[in-house]
């Protein structure tokens, strides 16, 4: 004789008993108690908090170089925790995020009118050429070209030959045609 499985048994009709709430009881008794957040949710919240704390620390220290260990110490986590948080939340490393934030800040300074040399010095780059190289990789323009575009000027300054060429074109168009 085989035993029937528990889910195959027919259910008995519901009865109202002192342990079971009736329809006249408050509706709060019908719902289950809220569960404690699971491990995954707690990890996601922790990682999001780490990323937010690191980005805040980055924003306060844009004008100098940082090391990952320094950031970890400041926000109170280990290096693997910080790296994992950035990898899962933003899909890149903490230092890549910091570099991007620094270059965005440099672009703001250039748009404000600061010279590329001033910006490189202010941002803590040891070499203006290295700053220019990194800026061009990130934006596609050199710092000076970016600054000129933000001021509404052409990206490249014209040399004497180009200026003479432009002047000769305009002077021909301005002269009245001969009859």
Foldseek 3Di string as FASTA:
>chain_A
DDDDDPVPDDDDDDDDDPVDDDPPDDPVVVDDDDDDDDPVVVLLVVLVVLLVQLVVVLVVQQQEDDDLVVSCVVVPHDSVSQQVSCCVPPVDGSVVVSLVVSLVVLLVVLLVPDDLVVSCVRSHPPDSVVVQVSNCVVPVAGSQLSSCVSVVHHSDDDDPVVVVVVVVVVVVVPDDDDD
